[in-house]
């Protein structure tokens, strides 16, 4: 009897998946509000970009919640959107896609691995207090910049892990223009620690922190954010050449350089900045004698 019930439930699940709404992907952009999508998409050539209209996204079943812990919104703001896990299904993410990458207009990137999505259920925001992107409030820091065309938030966020003094951080970018559905091993493989010390505990701790923090603005080749303009190997060179400067910069960039735009990490203790420095130092290949 249990086997028959399991088979019946499986049939229902398959039927529901088949009936799930599928978004129409266009090869051309029709409006500035179109969302770019790329990465590994079923039936789409590798490296291709497709577009989804705002109207098509708004026609999907939206989930609405009240925000109380997202600094981008005033407490009590009503937000409506589509969970990233459901969006991956409606867009037709490839079978190997277990990472969603949100890319912003300033080249900032937020990464959403499967574990993060399962723990926090991030949503692509489509309405704020019932209003579409064109009528959203300005950004909370300067009150000058539009937060659209898209952004990502959560119904509620509670850290799901802690590494030294780094706690799991909410990935809440605004100004999102593109979503990529990628293979996590490929994306994170670009910043996997190198060399004989790659398995050291401190190096592995620094790696976990760098995945969530540094990778948003610093790139390793074609992977990672490009907002900072300082790629991974530059950070590695700093970490190796001047460890004290590197660690101080991570904590308080403006103290080290008054023109720095990077936000500080003053809550990081000595063990945390040391772990980051030891991690980045693995990318420096020692010269042969």
Protein backbone atom coordinates (compact mmCIF):
# COMPACT_ATOMS: atom_id res chain seq x y z
CA UNK A 1 0.00 0.00 0.00
CA UNK A 2 2.81 2.43 0.91
CA UNK A 3 4.54 1.74 -2.40
CA UNK A 4 1.29 2.48 -4.24
CA UNK A 5 0.87 5.76 -2.32
CA UNK A 6 4.44 6.80 -3.06
CA UNK A 7 3.92 6.11 -6.76
CA UNK A 8 0.71 8.12 -6.74
CA UNK A 9 2.40 11.07 -5.04
CA UNK A 10 5.24 10.92 -7.56
CA UNK A 11 2.72 11.05 -10.41
CA UNK A 12 1.06 14.10 -8.83
CA UNK A 13 4.43 15.83 -8.42
CA UNK A 14 5.34 15.16 -12.05
CA UNK A 15 1.95 16.46 -13.19
CA UNK A 16 2.30 19.62 -11.11
CA UNK A 17 5.78 20.23 -12.53
CA UNK A 18 4.45 19.76 -16.04
CA UNK A 19 1.60 22.20 -15.36
CA UNK A 20 3.89 24.84 -13.81
CA UNK A 21 3.77 28.07 -15.86
CA UNK A 22 6.71 28.51 -18.22
CA UNK A 23 8.01 31.96 -19.04
CA UNK A 24 8.50 32.91 -22.65
CA UNK A 25 12.15 33.70 -23.28
CA UNK A 26 12.88 36.21 -26.01
CA UNK A 27 16.11 36.50 -27.98
CA UNK A 28 15.72 40.28 -28.11
CA UNK A 29 15.08 42.98 -25.53
CA UNK A 30 11.73 44.73 -25.86
CA UNK A 31 11.98 47.23 -22.99
CA UNK A 32 14.50 48.55 -20.48
CA UNK A 33 12.57 46.69 -17.78
CA UNK A 34 13.19 43.27 -19.36
CA UNK A 35 15.13 40.90 -17.09
CA UNK A 36 18.20 39.34 -18.69
CA UNK A 37 18.63 35.63 -18.04
CA UNK A 38 21.51 33.39 -18.94
CA UNK A 39 23.75 30.57 -17.79
CA UNK A 40 22.55 27.00 -18.16
CA UNK A 41 19.05 27.13 -19.61
CA UNK A 42 17.29 24.07 -21.02
CA UNK A 43 17.13 24.20 -24.81
CA UNK A 44 19.16 27.41 -25.06
CA UNK A 45 22.67 27.44 -26.59
CA UNK A 46 25.46 27.88 -24.05
CA UNK A 47 26.53 31.50 -23.61
CA UNK A 48 23.24 32.89 -24.91
CA UNK A 49 21.22 35.66 -23.30
CA UNK A 50 17.45 35.64 -23.19
CA UNK A 51 14.97 38.25 -21.93
CA UNK A 52 11.78 38.11 -19.85
CA UNK A 53 9.34 41.01 -19.73
CA UNK A 54 8.19 42.57 -16.47
CA UNK A 55 4.58 41.89 -17.45
CA UNK A 56 5.35 38.18 -17.86
CA UNK A 57 6.96 38.09 -14.42
CA UNK A 58 4.04 39.95 -12.83
CA UNK A 59 1.66 37.40 -14.34
CA UNK A 60 3.27 34.61 -12.28
CA UNK A 61 1.81 33.64 -8.89
CA UNK A 62 3.35 36.18 -6.49
CA UNK A 63 4.08 35.65 -2.82
CA UNK A 64 3.55 38.67 -0.55
CA UNK A 65 5.09 39.24 2.85
CA UNK A 66 5.81 42.09 5.26
CA UNK A 67 9.47 43.09 5.61
CA UNK A 68 10.82 43.76 9.10
CA UNK A 69 14.53 42.95 8.82
CA UNK A 70 15.71 44.15 5.37
CA UNK A 71 17.65 47.45 5.57
CA UNK A 72 16.59 48.32 2.02
CA UNK A 73 13.00 48.80 3.23
CA UNK A 74 11.22 50.61 6.01
CA UNK A 75 9.84 48.25 8.62
CA UNK A 76 6.37 47.07 7.68
CA UNK A 77 6.88 47.38 3.92
CA UNK A 78 4.84 44.90 1.88
CA UNK A 79 6.89 43.07 -0.74
CA UNK A 80 5.64 40.77 -3.50
CA UNK A 81 7.78 38.54 -5.66
CA UNK A 82 8.69 35.12 -6.95
CA UNK A 83 10.97 32.75 -4.96
CA UNK A 84 14.18 32.01 -6.84
CA UNK A 85 13.59 28.26 -6.63
CA UNK A 86 10.24 28.66 -8.40
CA UNK A 87 11.66 31.14 -10.89
CA UNK A 88 14.33 28.62 -11.87
CA UNK A 89 11.55 26.17 -12.76
CA UNK A 90 9.48 28.65 -14.75
CA UNK A 91 12.48 29.94 -16.68
CA UNK A 92 13.68 26.42 -17.41
CA UNK A 93 17.04 26.24 -15.66
CA UNK A 94 19.24 23.37 -16.81
CA UNK A 95 19.48 20.13 -14.85
CA UNK A 96 22.95 21.02 -13.54
CA UNK A 97 21.97 24.52 -12.40
CA UNK A 98 22.21 24.64 -8.62
CA UNK A 99 23.36 28.26 -8.21
CA UNK A 100 21.56 31.49 -9.06
CA UNK A 101 23.75 34.55 -9.69
CA UNK A 102 22.17 38.01 -9.52
CA UNK A 103 24.14 40.61 -11.49
CA UNK A 104 23.58 44.31 -10.85
CA UNK A 105 23.98 47.35 -13.06
CA UNK A 106 27.18 48.31 -11.19
CA UNK A 107 28.71 44.82 -11.78
CA UNK A 108 28.05 43.69 -8.20
CA UNK A 109 27.08 40.01 -7.97
CA UNK A 110 25.18 38.07 -5.34
CA UNK A 111 25.44 34.29 -5.33
CA UNK A 112 22.62 32.01 -4.19
CA UNK A 113 23.79 28.40 -3.77
CA UNK A 114 21.24 25.65 -3.28
CA UNK A 115 21.89 25.55 0.49
CA UNK A 116 21.27 29.30 0.82
CA UNK A 117 18.06 29.13 -1.20
CA UNK A 118 16.79 26.21 0.89
CA UNK A 119 17.58 28.04 4.15
CA UNK A 120 16.35 31.54 3.28
CA UNK A 121 13.97 31.36 0.27
CA UNK A 122 15.14 34.57 -1.44
CA UNK A 123 12.64 36.22 -3.78
CA UNK A 124 12.94 38.30 -6.90
CA UNK A 125 11.03 41.43 -5.86
CA UNK A 126 8.40 42.64 -8.35
CA UNK A 127 6.18 44.91 -6.25
CA UNK A 128 6.84 47.09 -3.21
CA UNK A 129 3.71 48.20 -1.37
CA UNK A 130 1.82 47.12 -4.47
CA UNK A 131 3.89 49.30 -6.80
CA UNK A 132 6.00 48.08 -9.77
CA UNK A 133 9.72 48.97 -10.05
CA UNK A 134 9.23 52.40 -11.61
CA UNK A 135 7.55 53.64 -8.43
CA UNK A 136 9.80 52.04 -5.81
CA UNK A 137 11.46 54.17 -3.10
CA UNK A 138 15.03 55.36 -3.64
CA UNK A 139 17.98 53.51 -2.13
CA UNK A 140 18.24 53.92 1.66
CA UNK A 141 21.84 55.18 1.73
CA UNK A 142 21.76 58.22 -0.55
CA UNK A 143 18.04 58.42 -1.39
CA UNK A 144 19.11 59.27 -4.95
CA UNK A 145 19.26 56.03 -6.91
CA UNK A 146 16.45 53.83 -8.15
CA UNK A 147 16.57 50.36 -6.64
CA UNK A 148 15.12 48.72 -9.75
CA UNK A 149 14.73 47.33 -12.26
CA UNK A 150 14.83 44.31 -9.91
CA UNK A 151 16.03 43.43 -6.45
CA UNK A 152 16.12 40.42 -4.15
CA UNK A 153 14.84 40.13 -0.59
CA UNK A 154 13.64 37.50 1.90
CA UNK A 155 10.43 36.94 3.84
CA UNK A 156 12.66 36.64 6.92
CA UNK A 157 16.38 36.15 7.39
CA UNK A 158 18.17 34.33 10.20
CA UNK A 159 21.85 33.33 9.78
CA UNK A 160 22.22 29.63 9.06
CA UNK A 161 25.97 29.32 9.74
CA UNK A 162 28.93 31.05 11.36
CA UNK A 163 32.60 30.88 10.42
CA UNK A 164 34.84 32.45 13.08
CA UNK A 165 33.39 35.98 13.46
CA UNK A 166 31.65 35.94 10.07
CA UNK A 167 27.94 35.13 10.21
CA UNK A 168 25.84 34.11 7.23
CA UNK A 169 24.86 37.38 5.54
CA UNK A 170 21.64 38.28 3.76
CA UNK A 171 22.28 38.68 0.04
CA UNK A 172 19.92 41.56 -0.81
CA UNK A 173 21.14 43.33 -3.96
CA UNK A 174 19.17 46.05 -5.72
CA UNK A 175 19.70 47.29 -9.25
CA UNK A 176 19.57 43.67 -10.47
CA UNK A 177 19.53 43.47 -14.28
CA UNK A 178 20.43 39.84 -14.92
CA UNK A 179 20.00 36.39 -13.40
CA UNK A 180 22.24 33.49 -14.34
CA UNK A 181 21.46 29.87 -13.57
CA UNK A 182 24.82 28.20 -13.10
CA UNK A 183 26.67 25.15 -11.84
CA UNK A 184 27.99 25.93 -8.35
CA UNK A 185 31.13 23.82 -8.78
CA UNK A 186 32.11 25.79 -11.86
CA UNK A 187 31.51 29.22 -10.34
CA UNK A 188 33.13 28.47 -7.00
CA UNK A 189 35.87 26.46 -8.64
CA UNK A 190 37.41 29.70 -9.88
CA UNK A 191 38.25 30.65 -6.28
CA UNK A 192 39.06 27.23 -4.82
CA UNK A 193 42.25 27.59 -2.73
CA UNK A 194 45.44 26.47 -4.41
CA UNK A 195 48.68 24.79 -3.43
CA UNK A 196 49.92 22.61 -0.60
CA UNK A 197 48.12 24.61 2.11
CA UNK A 198 44.71 24.50 0.43
CA UNK A 199 43.32 22.03 2.99
CA UNK A 200 44.53 23.93 6.07
CA UNK A 201 41.69 24.74 8.44
CA UNK A 202 42.28 28.51 8.36
CA UNK A 203 42.47 28.49 4.56
CA UNK A 204 39.17 26.61 4.29
CA UNK A 205 37.57 29.04 6.74
CA UNK A 206 38.81 31.98 4.68
CA UNK A 207 37.48 30.32 1.54
CA UNK A 208 33.96 30.05 2.98
CA UNK A 209 34.01 33.71 4.03
CA UNK A 210 35.39 34.88 0.68
CA UNK A 211 32.66 33.01 -1.23
CA UNK A 212 29.95 35.04 0.46
CA UNK A 213 31.71 38.34 1.05
CA UNK A 214 34.64 39.11 -1.28
CA UNK A 215 33.25 37.36 -4.38
CA UNK A 216 30.43 39.89 -4.65
CA UNK A 217 32.73 42.70 -5.81
CA UNK A 218 36.00 41.00 -6.81
CA UNK A 219 36.38 38.73 -9.82
CA UNK A 220 38.49 35.71 -10.62
CA UNK A 221 38.67 35.83 -14.40
CA UNK A 222 35.15 35.87 -15.81
CA UNK A 223 33.60 34.73 -12.53
CA UNK A 224 32.64 36.92 -9.58
CA UNK A 225 31.71 40.58 -9.27
CA UNK A 226 33.62 43.31 -11.05
CA UNK A 227 32.40 46.31 -9.09
CA UNK A 228 35.71 46.92 -7.32
CA UNK A 229 37.95 46.66 -10.38
CA UNK A 230 40.47 44.71 -8.29
CA UNK A 231 40.60 41.04 -9.28
CA UNK A 232 41.35 38.03 -7.09
CA UNK A 233 45.05 37.85 -7.93
CA UNK A 234 45.54 41.48 -6.88
CA UNK A 235 44.04 40.67 -3.48
CA UNK A 236 46.29 37.62 -3.32
CA UNK A 237 49.36 39.75 -4.03
CA UNK A 238 48.41 42.18 -1.23
CA UNK A 239 47.79 39.34 1.19
CA UNK A 240 51.20 37.86 0.44
CA UNK A 241 53.29 41.04 0.20
CA UNK A 242 51.92 42.97 3.20
CA UNK A 243 49.80 40.80 5.53
CA UNK A 244 49.33 43.55 8.13
CA UNK A 245 48.08 46.05 5.55
CA UNK A 246 45.75 43.45 4.01
CA UNK A 247 44.21 42.56 7.38
CA UNK A 248 43.78 46.22 8.38
CA UNK A 249 42.21 47.04 5.02
CA UNK A 250 39.66 44.24 5.34
CA UNK A 251 38.57 45.63 8.71
CA UNK A 252 38.57 49.37 7.94
CA UNK A 253 39.31 50.30 4.29
CA UNK A 254 38.84 54.06 4.71
CA UNK A 255 41.40 54.14 7.50
CA UNK A 256 43.95 52.74 5.07
CA UNK A 257 42.72 54.67 2.01
CA UNK A 258 40.36 57.63 2.37
CA UNK A 259 39.05 57.05 -1.17
CA UNK A 260 38.13 53.41 -0.53
CA UNK A 261 34.55 52.49 -1.45
CA UNK A 262 34.60 49.04 0.08
CA UNK A 263 32.46 48.68 3.23
CA UNK A 264 34.46 47.71 6.30
CA UNK A 265 34.24 44.54 8.33
CA UNK A 266 34.97 45.92 11.77
CA UNK A 267 33.32 42.95 13.43
CA UNK A 268 35.97 40.59 12.08
CA UNK A 269 38.37 39.47 14.80
CA UNK A 270 42.04 38.70 14.29
CA UNK A 271 41.46 35.02 13.56
CA UNK A 272 38.95 35.91 10.84
CA UNK A 273 41.11 38.41 8.95
CA UNK A 274 44.06 36.04 9.30
CA UNK A 275 42.03 33.22 7.78
CA UNK A 276 41.12 35.46 4.83
CA UNK A 277 44.72 36.49 4.38
CA UNK A 278 45.98 32.90 4.49
CA UNK A 279 43.31 31.88 2.00
CA UNK A 280 44.19 34.59 -0.53
CA UNK A 281 47.90 33.88 -0.12
CA UNK A 282 47.36 30.40 -1.62
CA UNK A 283 46.87 32.02 -5.03
CA UNK A 284 50.41 33.39 -5.10
CA UNK A 285 52.70 30.92 -6.85
CA UNK A 286 56.18 31.00 -5.24
CA UNK A 287 59.07 31.61 -7.57
CA UNK A 288 61.23 28.61 -8.38
CA UNK A 289 64.74 28.79 -6.89
